Protein backbone atom coordinates (compact mmCIF):
# COMPACT_ATOMS: atom_id res chain seq x y z
CA MET A 1 73.53 63.48 84.76
CA ALA A 2 73.45 61.10 82.01
CA ARG A 3 77.52 61.70 82.02
CA ARG A 4 77.78 60.72 85.61
CA ILE A 5 75.62 57.60 85.72
CA ALA A 6 77.84 56.86 82.54
CA ALA A 7 81.28 57.23 84.04
CA GLY A 8 80.00 55.36 87.35
CA ALA A 9 79.28 52.87 85.23
CA ALA A 10 82.80 52.79 83.40
CA TYR A 11 85.04 53.49 86.41
CA GLY A 12 82.71 52.11 89.39
CA GLY A 13 80.81 54.61 92.23
CA GLY A 14 77.16 53.67 93.47
CA GLY A 15 74.01 54.27 92.06
CA ILE A 16 72.80 58.05 91.88
CA GLY A 17 69.31 58.52 93.59
CA LEU A 18 66.87 59.81 90.84
CA VAL A 19 64.50 60.37 93.40
CA GLY A 20 64.94 62.24 96.58
CA ALA A 21 64.22 60.69 99.96
CA ALA A 22 61.24 63.20 100.80
CA ALA A 23 59.10 61.79 97.90
CA ILE A 24 59.82 58.04 98.38
CA GLY A 25 56.51 57.60 100.75
CA VAL A 26 54.46 58.89 98.00
CA VAL A 27 56.13 57.18 95.05
CA LEU A 28 56.25 54.03 97.23
CA ALA A 29 52.17 54.07 97.58
CA GLU A 30 51.89 55.14 93.91
CA VAL A 31 53.92 52.27 93.01
CA GLN A 32 51.64 49.83 94.69
CA LEU A 33 48.49 51.40 93.27
CA ALA A 34 49.95 51.35 89.52
CA LYS A 35 50.68 47.59 90.51
CA ARG A 36 47.30 46.69 90.86
CA HIS A 37 46.36 47.65 87.39
CA VAL A 38 49.52 46.97 85.14
CA GLY A 39 51.03 43.89 84.03
CA ASN A 40 54.30 42.32 86.09
CA GLY A 41 56.35 42.02 83.10
CA HIS A 42 56.81 38.39 83.96
CA GLY A 43 54.93 35.47 81.54
CA GLN A 44 55.12 33.73 78.21
CA ALA A 45 55.71 35.40 74.55
CA PRO A 46 55.31 34.05 71.45
CA ARG A 47 57.71 31.80 70.49
CA ALA A 48 58.98 33.26 66.98
CA ASN A 49 62.83 31.27 66.07
CA GLY A 50 63.43 30.44 62.82
CA LEU A 51 64.03 31.32 59.31
CA TYR A 52 62.16 34.31 57.51
CA GLY A 53 62.21 36.10 54.19
CA TYR A 54 62.69 31.87 52.78
CA ALA A 55 61.51 33.56 49.34
CA TYR A 56 65.13 34.50 48.88
CA ALA A 57 66.67 31.09 49.74
CA THR A 58 67.80 30.85 46.64
CA GLN A 59 70.27 33.80 46.66
CA ASP A 60 73.85 33.06 47.45
CA GLY A 61 75.41 33.16 50.70
CA PRO A 62 73.95 32.35 53.92
CA PRO A 63 70.65 33.85 55.65
CA LEU A 64 71.96 36.94 58.16
CA ARG A 65 71.84 35.87 61.75
CA LEU A 66 69.86 38.27 63.98
CA ALA A 67 70.04 37.99 68.18
CA MET A 68 67.27 39.83 70.09
CA LEU A 69 68.01 39.89 73.46
CA GLY A 70 66.26 41.93 76.27
CA ASP A 71 63.37 41.70 78.53
CA SER A 72 59.63 41.58 77.70
CA THR A 73 59.42 44.24 75.21
CA ALA A 74 62.03 42.18 73.44
CA ALA A 75 60.54 39.05 73.95
CA GLY A 76 57.47 40.07 72.45
CA GLN A 77 55.57 39.86 75.98
CA GLY A 78 51.61 41.26 75.40
CA VAL A 79 51.19 39.28 71.62
CA HIS A 80 50.16 36.07 70.76
CA ARG A 81 50.99 35.50 67.41
CA PRO A 82 54.83 34.74 66.57
CA ARG A 83 54.79 36.91 63.77
CA GLN A 84 53.34 39.74 65.72
CA THR A 85 56.65 40.20 67.66
CA PRO A 86 59.45 42.79 67.41
CA GLY A 87 62.03 40.08 66.63
CA ALA A 88 59.98 38.39 63.48
CA LEU A 89 58.97 42.18 62.22
CA LEU A 90 62.97 42.93 62.52
CA ALA A 91 63.55 39.42 60.60
CA SER A 92 60.58 39.98 57.89
CA GLY A 93 61.88 43.66 57.59
CA LEU A 94 65.53 43.09 57.33
CA ALA A 95 64.63 39.57 54.66
CA ALA A 96 62.93 42.29 52.59
CA VAL A 97 65.63 44.98 52.40
CA ALA A 98 68.50 42.66 52.32
CA GLU A 99 66.95 40.20 49.68
CA ARG A 100 68.19 37.69 51.79
CA PRO A 101 66.68 35.01 54.22
CA VAL A 102 67.08 35.94 58.09
CA GLU A 103 67.58 33.79 60.92
CA LEU A 104 66.03 34.70 64.34
CA CYS A 105 67.51 33.55 67.82
CA ASN A 106 65.35 35.31 70.52
CA VAL A 107 67.03 34.86 73.89
CA ALA A 108 65.37 37.75 76.04
CA LEU A 109 63.42 37.25 79.18
CA PRO A 110 60.08 38.68 80.00
CA GLY A 111 60.84 40.49 83.59
CA ALA A 112 64.57 40.37 82.89
CA GLN A 113 66.94 43.32 84.41
CA SER A 114 70.24 44.18 82.52
CA ASP A 115 72.11 41.77 84.93
CA ASP A 116 70.57 38.89 83.34
CA LEU A 117 72.21 40.36 79.82
CA ASP A 118 75.27 38.26 80.89
CA ARG A 119 73.41 35.18 80.59
CA GLN A 120 71.56 36.16 77.16
CA VAL A 121 74.70 36.96 75.60
CA ALA A 122 76.38 33.81 76.45
CA LEU A 123 73.52 31.97 74.57
CA ALA A 124 73.32 34.03 71.77
CA LEU A 125 77.13 33.41 71.80
CA THR A 126 76.81 29.50 72.26
CA ASP A 127 77.77 28.65 68.70
CA THR A 128 80.86 30.47 67.93
CA ALA A 129 80.75 28.99 64.42
CA ARG A 130 77.83 30.89 63.80
CA VAL A 131 78.02 34.72 65.52
CA PRO A 132 75.16 36.78 65.14
CA ASP A 133 75.74 39.34 62.16
CA ILE A 134 72.98 42.31 63.88
CA CYS A 135 72.36 41.95 67.87
CA VAL A 136 69.00 44.09 68.72
CA ILE A 137 68.99 44.65 72.70
CA MET A 138 66.08 46.18 74.35
CA ILE A 139 66.35 46.54 78.22
CA GLY A 140 65.87 49.22 80.64
CA ALA A 141 62.31 49.70 81.70
CA ASN A 142 62.68 46.52 84.52
CA ASP A 143 65.44 48.87 85.65
CA VAL A 144 63.78 51.53 86.55
CA THR A 145 60.43 50.19 87.81
CA HIS A 146 62.93 47.74 90.33
CA ARG A 147 64.95 50.68 91.24
CA MET A 148 68.20 49.17 90.31
CA PRO A 149 70.80 51.83 90.25
CA PRO A 150 71.61 53.28 87.01
CA THR A 151 75.24 53.09 86.85
CA ARG A 152 74.71 49.39 87.64
CA SER A 153 71.97 49.21 84.80
CA VAL A 154 74.86 50.50 82.45
CA ARG A 155 77.51 48.64 83.38
CA HIS A 156 76.11 45.20 82.50
CA LEU A 157 74.31 46.71 78.99
CA SER A 158 78.14 48.18 78.47
CA ALA A 159 79.66 45.03 79.23
CA ALA A 160 76.93 43.20 76.88
CA VAL A 161 77.84 45.15 74.21
CA ARG A 162 81.84 45.03 74.65
CA ARG A 163 81.37 40.91 74.45
CA LEU A 164 79.23 41.02 71.35
CA ARG A 165 81.21 43.42 69.62
CA THR A 166 84.17 41.47 70.16
CA ALA A 167 82.82 38.47 68.87
CA GLY A 168 81.98 40.19 65.59
CA ALA A 169 78.58 40.89 65.62
CA GLU A 170 77.15 44.50 65.17
CA VAL A 171 74.94 45.93 68.41
CA VAL A 172 71.60 48.00 68.13
CA VAL A 173 70.40 49.16 71.65
CA GLY A 174 66.75 49.93 71.50
CA THR A 175 66.97 52.27 75.06
CA CYS A 176 64.68 52.66 78.13
CA PRO A 177 61.15 53.45 77.20
CA ASP A 178 59.35 56.30 78.29
CA LEU A 179 57.55 54.64 81.36
CA GLY A 180 55.47 57.81 82.11
CA THR A 181 53.28 57.48 79.88
CA VAL A 182 51.90 53.85 81.18
CA GLU A 183 48.01 54.95 81.40
CA GLN A 184 47.50 53.86 85.22
CA VAL A 185 50.45 55.65 86.72
CA GLN A 186 49.84 58.77 88.13
CA GLN A 187 51.24 61.97 89.36
CA PRO A 188 53.56 62.17 91.01
CA LEU A 189 54.94 59.00 89.87
CA ARG A 190 54.32 59.54 86.20
CA TRP A 191 56.65 62.63 86.16
CA LEU A 192 59.27 60.31 88.15
CA ALA A 193 59.17 57.52 86.05
CA ARG A 194 59.36 59.62 83.09
CA ARG A 195 62.41 61.58 84.47
CA ALA A 196 64.08 58.10 85.45
CA SER A 197 63.64 56.70 82.10
CA ARG A 198 65.07 59.47 80.25
CA GLN A 199 67.92 59.93 82.26
CA LEU A 200 68.75 55.95 81.99
CA ALA A 201 68.03 56.06 78.11
CA ALA A 202 71.14 58.94 77.99
CA ALA A 203 73.11 57.00 79.86
CA GLN A 204 72.53 53.68 77.93
CA THR A 205 73.31 55.64 74.95
CA ILE A 206 76.53 57.22 76.26
CA GLY A 207 77.50 53.67 77.30
CA THR A 208 76.80 51.85 74.54
CA VAL A 209 78.16 54.27 71.32
CA GLU A 210 81.67 53.88 73.61
CA GLN A 211 81.56 49.94 72.99
CA GLY A 212 81.29 50.79 69.46
CA GLY A 213 77.21 50.40 69.11
CA ARG A 214 74.25 51.89 67.99
CA THR A 215 71.47 53.06 69.58
CA VAL A 216 67.76 54.23 69.04
CA SER A 217 65.70 56.09 71.38
CA LEU A 218 62.34 53.94 72.12
CA GLY A 219 60.27 56.89 73.94
CA ASP A 220 57.69 56.27 71.16
CA LEU A 221 57.26 52.41 72.43
CA LEU A 222 55.40 53.83 75.33
CA GLY A 223 55.71 57.85 74.29
CA PRO A 224 53.40 60.08 72.80
CA GLU A 225 51.46 57.84 70.00
CA PHE A 226 51.08 55.33 72.41
CA GLU A 227 50.11 57.92 75.24
CA ALA A 228 47.13 59.68 72.46
CA ASN A 229 45.93 55.66 71.61
CA PRO A 230 46.45 53.52 74.59
CA ARG A 231 43.87 51.76 73.69
CA GLU A 232 45.33 50.74 70.43
CA LEU A 233 48.86 50.61 71.19
CA PHE A 234 49.03 49.18 74.79
CA GLY A 235 47.93 45.14 74.86
CA PRO A 236 45.40 43.59 77.19
CA ASP A 237 47.76 44.23 80.34
CA ASN A 238 47.68 48.28 79.39
CA TYR A 239 51.68 48.39 79.99
CA HIS A 240 52.89 45.95 77.04
CA PRO A 241 52.24 47.05 73.71
CA SER A 242 49.58 45.91 71.33
CA ALA A 243 50.49 43.73 68.04
CA GLU A 244 50.27 47.66 66.58
CA GLY A 245 52.69 48.97 69.44
CA TYR A 246 55.60 46.49 68.48
CA ALA A 247 54.95 47.47 64.67
CA THR A 248 55.52 50.76 65.67
CA ALA A 249 59.11 49.94 67.61
CA ALA A 250 60.07 47.72 65.17
CA MET A 251 59.73 50.14 62.18
CA ALA A 252 61.31 53.06 64.27
CA VAL A 253 64.57 50.12 64.92
CA LEU A 254 64.79 48.74 61.18
CA PRO A 255 66.34 51.63 59.75
CA THR A 256 69.05 51.78 62.22
CA VAL A 257 69.21 47.59 61.75
CA CYS A 258 69.94 47.85 58.31
CA ALA A 259 72.72 50.84 58.43
CA ALA A 260 74.35 48.80 61.14
CA LEU A 261 74.87 45.86 58.07
CA GLY A 262 75.20 48.52 55.29
CA LEU A 263 71.91 47.72 53.95
CA TRP A 264 70.78 51.22 53.93
CA PRO A 265 71.05 54.21 51.32
CA ALA A 266 74.66 56.11 51.12
CA GLU A 267 72.17 59.26 51.01
CA GLU A 268 70.69 58.57 54.04
CA GLU A 269 74.13 57.92 56.13
CA ARG A 270 74.97 61.84 55.51
CA PRO A 271 73.55 64.06 58.35
CA ASP A 272 70.55 66.06 56.96
CA VAL A 273 70.73 69.45 58.59
CA SER A 274 67.24 70.50 57.78
CA ARG A 275 66.48 67.85 60.17
CA ARG A 276 68.24 68.62 62.68
CA GLU A 277 70.72 65.92 62.31
CA GLY A 278 74.93 66.12 62.95
CA PHE A 279 78.15 65.33 64.80
CA LEU A 280 77.65 66.37 68.85
CA PRO A 281 79.65 65.18 71.84
CA VAL A 282 78.26 62.34 72.58
CA ALA A 283 76.32 63.29 75.74
CA ARG A 284 74.42 66.04 74.11
CA ALA A 285 73.38 63.57 71.36
CA ALA A 286 72.19 60.88 74.07
CA ALA A 287 70.22 63.76 75.90
CA GLU A 288 68.77 65.01 72.48
CA ALA A 289 67.87 61.28 71.95
CA ALA A 290 66.15 60.43 74.85
CA SER A 291 64.09 63.35 74.24
CA GLU A 292 62.76 62.60 70.76
CA ALA A 293 61.92 58.95 69.81
CA GLY A 294 63.19 57.21 66.92
CA THR A 295 66.47 59.13 67.31
CA GLU A 296 69.84 57.12 66.43
CA VAL A 297 72.79 57.76 67.91
CA THR A 298 76.24 56.23 67.03
CA ALA A 299 80.15 56.80 67.39
CA ALA A 300 81.99 59.03 65.19
CA MET A 301 85.02 61.16 65.96
CA PRO A 302 86.92 59.41 68.95
CA THR A 303 88.02 62.83 70.55
CA GLY A 304 87.05 66.50 70.64
CA PRO A 305 86.74 69.99 72.41
CA ARG A 306 84.33 68.06 74.77
CA GLY A 307 85.20 64.55 74.74
CA PRO A 308 84.07 61.76 72.34
CA TRP A 309 81.56 62.73 69.83
CA ALA A 310 78.48 60.66 68.06
CA LEU A 311 76.44 61.20 64.91
CA LEU A 312 72.77 61.84 65.47
CA LYS A 313 70.19 60.89 63.03
CA ARG A 314 66.84 61.44 62.57
CA ARG A 315 65.71 58.59 60.23
CA ARG A 316 62.63 58.65 58.35
CA ARG A 317 60.72 55.69 59.42
CA ARG A 318 59.84 53.63 56.39
CA ARG A 319 56.88 50.47 56.53
CA VAL A 320 58.77 47.57 54.83
CA PRO A 321 55.89 44.91 53.59
CA ALA A 322 56.80 41.63 55.83
CA THR A 323 57.83 38.63 53.39
CA ASP A 324 56.53 36.00 55.32
CA PRO A 325 53.04 35.18 56.72
CA ALA A 326 55.11 32.69 59.61
CA PRO A 327 58.70 31.45 60.16
CA THR A 328 60.08 28.49 59.16
CA PRO A 329 60.39 25.97 62.32
CA SER A 330 63.51 25.76 63.59
CA ALA A 331 65.24 22.33 64.33
């Protein structure tokens, strides 16, 4: 299914239905019930733009530039302090690893769907003399809840990754989280939401890798850890992550951000057979990543017996201490 969605996005074609017609009536009723209990994805998020790791400002070279794009999870909706947003957490962690200051620009929009990425990319690339070194995109949840055809969703994401890579930026995509773990969502919508989320995440992986980006499965953004500890890892609206939840997600993405910039230890770039890492056809790697949170997929061999291949990595999570209590305000 992921291959079909990605192919439809690349070569044209209509949406591929993820829900049978017989289930539509039940699903719509469940959706209305769920909307009464969870947030709608719109609202303000703390503004976290600025310079992080300013303790390293005496080092040679300009700050690394990090751009965040996507929806409310990329913006950090659900927390009250800038330093609790995923962008701030990633910027602080990246500064600690690189031992360089990091300039954060967050253009993500709460409630955004993938068709907003064209506008966001234009904002991220406004200053052609200051192209971001690394862009992190978190998108997909609103595409599922608003029933955007998955081929259209992946088409917009692929175009965004292509534009950013052409401009010279590295790109890491946090794929669609598992919406089947939102506490107030009941069956059968829970099962359908999980299935749709994972199919879209796998298709996003294929589309992103084909354009030269990397992906990290964000199933754990609303996944098993959140399902087991909803009171700790969901925010007050029971939909967006809490500060602890965003920290969990940021630590899953940080190793891939560092690896994309050549900052991760070389020995960890080699596949570890004991962790079931290795080179796989891209569609198979995408499917495995969608079912296991925190899994990275990046392009490898351009061709193989079953098409393009990718490297699947299950990176160990490492807590990297933040270097700043807050950013230096932007001008």
